[in-house]
Amino acid sequence: DAWLEANLIPLDLVDLDIILGMDWLEKHHALVDYFQKEVTLRSPGQPKVTFRGERR
């Protein structure tokens, strides 16, 4: 299990699940692969976590 802290603000947006800010992505050492639709987080002291989007 990994622990990732975030302050989320609900927005009424269509076709978006979440918007992550540059500061948050930097804090969690994010690698964004747009072609594979993956975001990998490598926070110090935490296991690596990869989120995969659906390919359309």
PDB file of N, CA and C in Angstrom:
ATOM      1  N   ASP A   1       0.836  -1.190   0.000  1.00  0.00           N
ATOM      2  CA  ASP A   1       0.000   0.000   0.000  1.00  0.00           C
ATOM      3  C   ASP A   1       0.874   1.244   0.000  1.00  0.00           C
ATOM      4  N   ALA A   2       0.415   2.260  -0.700  1.00  0.00           N
ATOM      5  CA  ALA A   2       1.119   3.546  -0.750  1.00  0.00           C
ATOM      6  C   ALA A   2       0.214   4.624  -0.176  1.00  0.00           C
ATOM      7  N   TRP A   3       0.808   5.643   0.413  1.00  0.00           N
ATOM      8  CA  TRP A   3       0.071   6.751   0.998  1.00  0.00           C
ATOM      9  C   TRP A   3       0.414   8.005   0.211  1.00  0.00           C
ATOM     10  N   LEU A   4      -0.582   8.596  -0.449  1.00  0.00           N
ATOM     11  CA  LEU A   4      -0.396   9.811  -1.231  1.00  0.00           C
ATOM     12  C   LEU A   4      -1.402  10.847  -0.765  1.00  0.00           C
ATOM     13  N   GLU A   5      -0.911  11.925  -0.177  1.00  0.00           N
ATOM     14  CA  GLU A   5      -1.792  12.961   0.346  1.00  0.00           C
ATOM     15  C   GLU A   5      -2.095  13.994  -0.731  1.00  0.00           C
ATOM     16  N   ALA A   6      -3.363  14.397  -0.812  1.00  0.00           N
ATOM     17  CA  ALA A   6      -3.774  15.427  -1.770  1.00  0.00           C
ATOM     18  C   ALA A   6      -4.993  16.151  -1.227  1.00  0.00           C
ATOM     19  N   ASN A   7      -5.075  17.436  -1.495  1.00  0.00           N
ATOM     20  CA  ASN A   7      -6.262  18.224  -1.174  1.00  0.00           C
ATOM     21  C   ASN A   7      -7.068  18.344  -2.457  1.00  0.00           C
ATOM     22  N   LEU A   8      -8.192  17.652  -2.511  1.00  0.00           N
ATOM     23  CA  LEU A   8      -9.001  17.620  -3.727  1.00  0.00           C
ATOM     24  C   LEU A   8     -10.162  18.593  -3.637  1.00  0.00           C
ATOM     25  N   ILE A   9     -10.440  19.257  -4.740  1.00  0.00           N
ATOM     26  CA  ILE A   9     -11.544  20.211  -4.830  1.00  0.00           C
ATOM     27  C   ILE A   9     -12.503  19.701  -5.898  1.00  0.00           C
ATOM     28  N   PRO A  10     -13.770  19.412  -5.543  1.00  0.00           N
ATOM     29  CA  PRO A  10     -14.726  18.923  -6.544  1.00  0.00           C
ATOM     30  C   PRO A  10     -15.022  19.990  -7.598  1.00  0.00           C
ATOM     31  N   LEU A  11     -14.983  19.583  -8.849  1.00  0.00           N
ATOM     32  CA  LEU A  11     -15.315  20.461  -9.970  1.00  0.00           C
ATOM     33  C   LEU A  11     -16.316  19.745 -10.863  1.00  0.00           C
ATOM     34  N   ASP A  12     -17.195  20.510 -11.477  1.00  0.00           N
ATOM     35  CA  ASP A  12     -18.199  19.934 -12.370  1.00  0.00           C
ATOM     36  C   ASP A  12     -17.647  19.918 -13.796  1.00  0.00           C
ATOM     37  N   LEU A  13     -16.769  18.945 -14.068  1.00  0.00           N
ATOM     38  CA  LEU A  13     -16.134  18.834 -15.377  1.00  0.00           C
ATOM     39  C   LEU A  13     -16.535  17.524 -16.035  1.00  0.00           C
ATOM     40  N   VAL A  14     -16.736  17.572 -17.338  1.00  0.00           N
ATOM     41  CA  VAL A  14     -17.114  16.388 -18.101  1.00  0.00           C
ATOM     42  C   VAL A  14     -15.845  15.751 -18.676  1.00  0.00           C
ATOM     43  N   ASP A  15     -15.767  14.429 -18.646  1.00  0.00           N
ATOM     44  CA  ASP A  15     -14.666  13.660 -19.242  1.00  0.00           C
ATOM     45  C   ASP A  15     -13.322  13.828 -18.545  1.00  0.00           C
ATOM     46  N   LEU A  16     -13.295  14.361 -17.337  1.00  0.00           N
ATOM     47  CA  LEU A  16     -12.054  14.457 -16.568  1.00  0.00           C
ATOM     48  C   LEU A  16     -12.265  13.787 -15.223  1.00  0.00           C
ATOM     49  N   ASP A  17     -11.304  12.956 -14.814  1.00  0.00           N
ATOM     50  CA  ASP A  17     -11.403  12.293 -13.517  1.00  0.00           C
ATOM     51  C   ASP A  17     -10.739  13.113 -12.422  1.00  0.00           C
ATOM     52  N   ILE A  18      -9.559  13.667 -12.731  1.00  0.00           N
ATOM     53  CA  ILE A  18      -8.813  14.428 -11.737  1.00  0.00           C
ATOM     54  C   ILE A  18      -7.829  15.349 -12.452  1.00  0.00           C
ATOM     55  N   ILE A  19      -7.549  16.487 -11.836  1.00  0.00           N
ATOM     56  CA  ILE A  19      -6.521  17.399 -12.330  1.00  0.00           C
ATOM     57  C   ILE A  19      -5.457  17.466 -11.250  1.00  0.00           C
ATOM     58  N   LEU A  20      -4.219  17.143 -11.599  1.00  0.00           N
ATOM     59  CA  LEU A  20      -3.114  17.171 -10.650  1.00  0.00           C
ATOM     60  C   LEU A  20      -2.203  18.346 -10.985  1.00  0.00           C
ATOM     61  N   GLY A  21      -1.856  19.130  -9.974  1.00  0.00           N
ATOM     62  CA  GLY A  21      -1.003  20.293 -10.178  1.00  0.00           C
ATOM     63  C   GLY A  21       0.464  19.922 -10.320  1.00  0.00           C
ATOM     64  N   MET A  22       1.226  20.814 -10.927  1.00  0.00           N
ATOM     65  CA  MET A  22       2.650  20.574 -11.136  1.00  0.00           C
ATOM     66  C   MET A  22       3.390  20.391  -9.816  1.00  0.00           C
ATOM     67  N   ASP A  23       3.042  21.168  -8.787  1.00  0.00           N
ATOM     68  CA  ASP A  23       3.711  21.029  -7.490  1.00  0.00           C
ATOM     69  C   ASP A  23       3.482  19.643  -6.898  1.00  0.00           C
ATOM     70  N   TRP A  24       2.249  19.133  -6.989  1.00  0.00           N
ATOM     71  CA  TRP A  24       1.925  17.803  -6.457  1.00  0.00           C
ATOM     72  C   TRP A  24       2.667  16.732  -7.247  1.00  0.00           C
ATOM     73  N   LEU A  25       2.673  16.852  -8.577  1.00  0.00           N
ATOM     74  CA  LEU A  25       3.372  15.880  -9.416  1.00  0.00           C
ATOM     75  C   LEU A  25       4.870  15.875  -9.111  1.00  0.00           C
ATOM     76  N   GLU A  26       5.447  17.051  -8.912  1.00  0.00           N
ATOM     77  CA  GLU A  26       6.872  17.139  -8.577  1.00  0.00           C
ATOM     78  C   GLU A  26       7.150  16.504  -7.214  1.00  0.00           C
ATOM     79  N   LYS A  27       6.304  16.788  -6.243  1.00  0.00           N
ATOM     80  CA  LYS A  27       6.478  16.241  -4.890  1.00  0.00           C
ATOM     81  C   LYS A  27       6.514  14.717  -4.904  1.00  0.00           C
ATOM     82  N   HIS A  28       5.734  14.104  -5.785  1.00  0.00           N
ATOM     83  CA  HIS A  28       5.637  12.643  -5.839  1.00  0.00           C
ATOM     84  C   HIS A  28       6.473  12.045  -6.971  1.00  0.00           C
ATOM     85  N   HIS A  29       7.408  12.841  -7.502  1.00  0.00           N
ATOM     86  CA  HIS A  29       8.354  12.366  -8.526  1.00  0.00           C
ATOM     87  C   HIS A  29       7.619  11.672  -9.670  1.00  0.00           C
ATOM     88  N   ALA A  30       6.602  12.336 -10.198  1.00  0.00           N
ATOM     89  CA  ALA A  30       5.744  11.741 -11.227  1.00  0.00           C
ATOM     90  C   ALA A  30       6.444  11.645 -12.578  1.00  0.00           C
ATOM     91  N   LEU A  31       6.200  10.538 -13.241  1.00  0.00           N
ATOM     92  CA  LEU A  31       6.591  10.346 -14.637  1.00  0.00           C
ATOM     93  C   LEU A  31       5.300  10.177 -15.424  1.00  0.00           C
ATOM     94  N   VAL A  32       5.075  11.045 -16.403  1.00  0.00           N
ATOM     95  CA  VAL A  32       3.845  11.014 -17.188  1.00  0.00           C
ATOM     96  C   VAL A  32       4.177  10.500 -18.588  1.00  0.00           C
ATOM     97  N   ASP A  33       3.537   9.402 -18.963  1.00  0.00           N
ATOM     98  CA  ASP A  33       3.716   8.817 -20.297  1.00  0.00           C
ATOM     99  C   ASP A  33       2.397   9.003 -21.043  1.00  0.00           C
ATOM    100  N   TYR A  34       2.327  10.031 -21.856  1.00  0.00           N
ATOM    101  CA  TYR A  34       1.090  10.354 -22.556  1.00  0.00           C
ATOM    102  C   TYR A  34       0.718   9.291 -23.580  1.00  0.00           C
ATOM    103  N   PHE A  35       1.714   8.708 -24.251  1.00  0.00           N
ATOM    104  CA  PHE A  35       1.433   7.706 -25.271  1.00  0.00           C
ATOM    105  C   PHE A  35       0.807   6.456 -24.661  1.00  0.00           C
ATOM    106  N   GLN A  36       1.336   5.979 -23.530  1.00  0.00           N
ATOM    107  CA  GLN A  36       0.804   4.789 -22.867  1.00  0.00           C
ATOM    108  C   GLN A  36      -0.358   5.119 -21.926  1.00  0.00           C
ATOM    109  N   LYS A  37      -0.631   6.420 -21.731  1.00  0.00           N
ATOM    110  CA  LYS A  37      -1.666   6.881 -20.795  1.00  0.00           C
ATOM    111  C   LYS A  37      -1.397   6.358 -19.388  1.00  0.00           C
ATOM    112  N   GLU A  38      -0.171   6.598 -18.909  1.00  0.00           N
ATOM    113  CA  GLU A  38       0.242   6.152 -17.581  1.00  0.00           C
ATOM    114  C   GLU A  38       0.863   7.306 -16.805  1.00  0.00           C
ATOM    115  N   VAL A  39       0.616   7.308 -15.497  1.00  0.00           N
ATOM    116  CA  VAL A  39       1.295   8.209 -14.573  1.00  0.00           C
ATOM    117  C   VAL A  39       1.917   7.326 -13.504  1.00  0.00           C
ATOM    118  N   THR A  40       3.236   7.426 -13.350  1.00  0.00           N
ATOM    119  CA  THR A  40       3.941   6.644 -12.343  1.00  0.00           C
ATOM    120  C   THR A  40       4.452   7.597 -11.278  1.00  0.00           C
ATOM    121  N   LEU A  41       4.144   7.281 -10.019  1.00  0.00           N
ATOM    122  CA  LEU A  41       4.574   8.084  -8.878  1.00  0.00           C
ATOM    123  C   LEU A  41       5.639   7.312  -8.118  1.00  0.00           C
ATOM    124  N   ARG A  42       6.763   8.003  -7.834  1.00  0.00           N
ATOM    125  CA  ARG A  42       7.863   7.366  -7.126  1.00  0.00           C
ATOM    126  C   ARG A  42       8.237   8.215  -5.922  1.00  0.00           C
ATOM    127  N   SER A  43       7.311   8.371  -4.997  1.00  0.00           N
ATOM    128  CA  SER A  43       7.547   9.179  -3.809  1.00  0.00           C
ATOM    129  C   SER A  43       8.625   8.534  -2.951  1.00  0.00           C
ATOM    130  N   PRO A  44       9.553   9.340  -2.405  1.00  0.00           N
ATOM    131  CA  PRO A  44      10.581   8.785  -1.521  1.00  0.00           C
ATOM    132  C   PRO A  44       9.947   8.054  -0.335  1.00  0.00           C
ATOM    133  N   GLY A  45      10.433   6.855  -0.051  1.00  0.00           N
ATOM    134  CA  GLY A  45       9.932   6.079   1.078  1.00  0.00           C
ATOM    135  C   GLY A  45       8.623   5.361   0.817  1.00  0.00           C
ATOM    136  N   GLN A  46       8.099   5.443  -0.402  1.00  0.00           N
ATOM    137  CA  GLN A  46       6.833   4.797  -0.756  1.00  0.00           C
ATOM    138  C   GLN A  46       7.075   3.835  -1.916  1.00  0.00           C
ATOM    139  N   PRO A  47       6.245   2.801  -2.031  1.00  0.00           N
ATOM    140  CA  PRO A  47       6.371   1.934  -3.207  1.00  0.00           C
ATOM    141  C   PRO A  47       5.956   2.686  -4.475  1.00  0.00           C
ATOM    142  N   LYS A  48       6.501   2.287  -5.610  1.00  0.00           N
ATOM    143  CA  LYS A  48       6.141   2.893  -6.895  1.00  0.00           C
ATOM    144  C   LYS A  48       4.686   2.556  -7.207  1.00  0.00           C
ATOM    145  N   VAL A  49       3.931   3.556  -7.662  1.00  0.00           N
ATOM    146  CA  VAL A  49       2.519   3.385  -8.001  1.00  0.00           C
ATOM    147  C   VAL A  49       2.321   3.855  -9.439  1.00  0.00           C
ATOM    148  N   THR A  50       1.644   3.035 -10.254  1.00  0.00           N
ATOM    149  CA  THR A  50       1.358   3.414 -11.636  1.00  0.00           C
ATOM    150  C   THR A  50      -0.141   3.386 -11.874  1.00  0.00           C
ATOM    151  N   PHE A  51      -0.655   4.493 -12.408  1.00  0.00           N
ATOM    152  CA  PHE A  51      -2.058   4.594 -12.796  1.00  0.00           C
ATOM    153  C   PHE A  51      -2.114   4.497 -14.312  1.00  0.00           C
ATOM    154  N   ARG A  52      -3.035   3.685 -14.816  1.00  0.00           N
ATOM    155  CA  ARG A  52      -3.177   3.508 -16.263  1.00  0.00           C
ATOM    156  C   ARG A  52      -4.571   3.945 -16.702  1.00  0.00           C
ATOM    157  N   GLY A  53      -4.624   4.795 -17.716  1.00  0.00           N
ATOM    158  CA  GLY A  53      -5.894   5.223 -18.274  1.00  0.00           C
ATOM    159  C   GLY A  53      -6.366   4.243 -19.332  1.00  0.00           C
ATOM    160  N   GLU A  54      -7.625   4.364 -19.694  1.00  0.00           N
ATOM    161  CA  GLU A  54      -8.187   3.506 -20.738  1.00  0.00           C
ATOM    162  C   GLU A  54      -7.756   4.020 -22.097  1.00  0.00           C
ATOM    163  N   ARG A  55      -7.333   3.119 -22.945  1.00  0.00           N
ATOM    164  CA  ARG A  55      -6.967   3.485 -24.316  1.00  0.00           C
ATOM    165  C   ARG A  55      -8.227   3.468 -25.165  1.00  0.00           C
ATOM    166  N   ARG A  56      -8.446   4.525 -25.925  1.00  0.00           N
ATOM    167  CA  ARG A  56      -9.644   4.639 -26.756  1.00  0.00           C
ATOM    168  C   ARG A  56      -9.298   4.455 -28.189  1.00  0.00           C
TER     169      ARG A  56
END
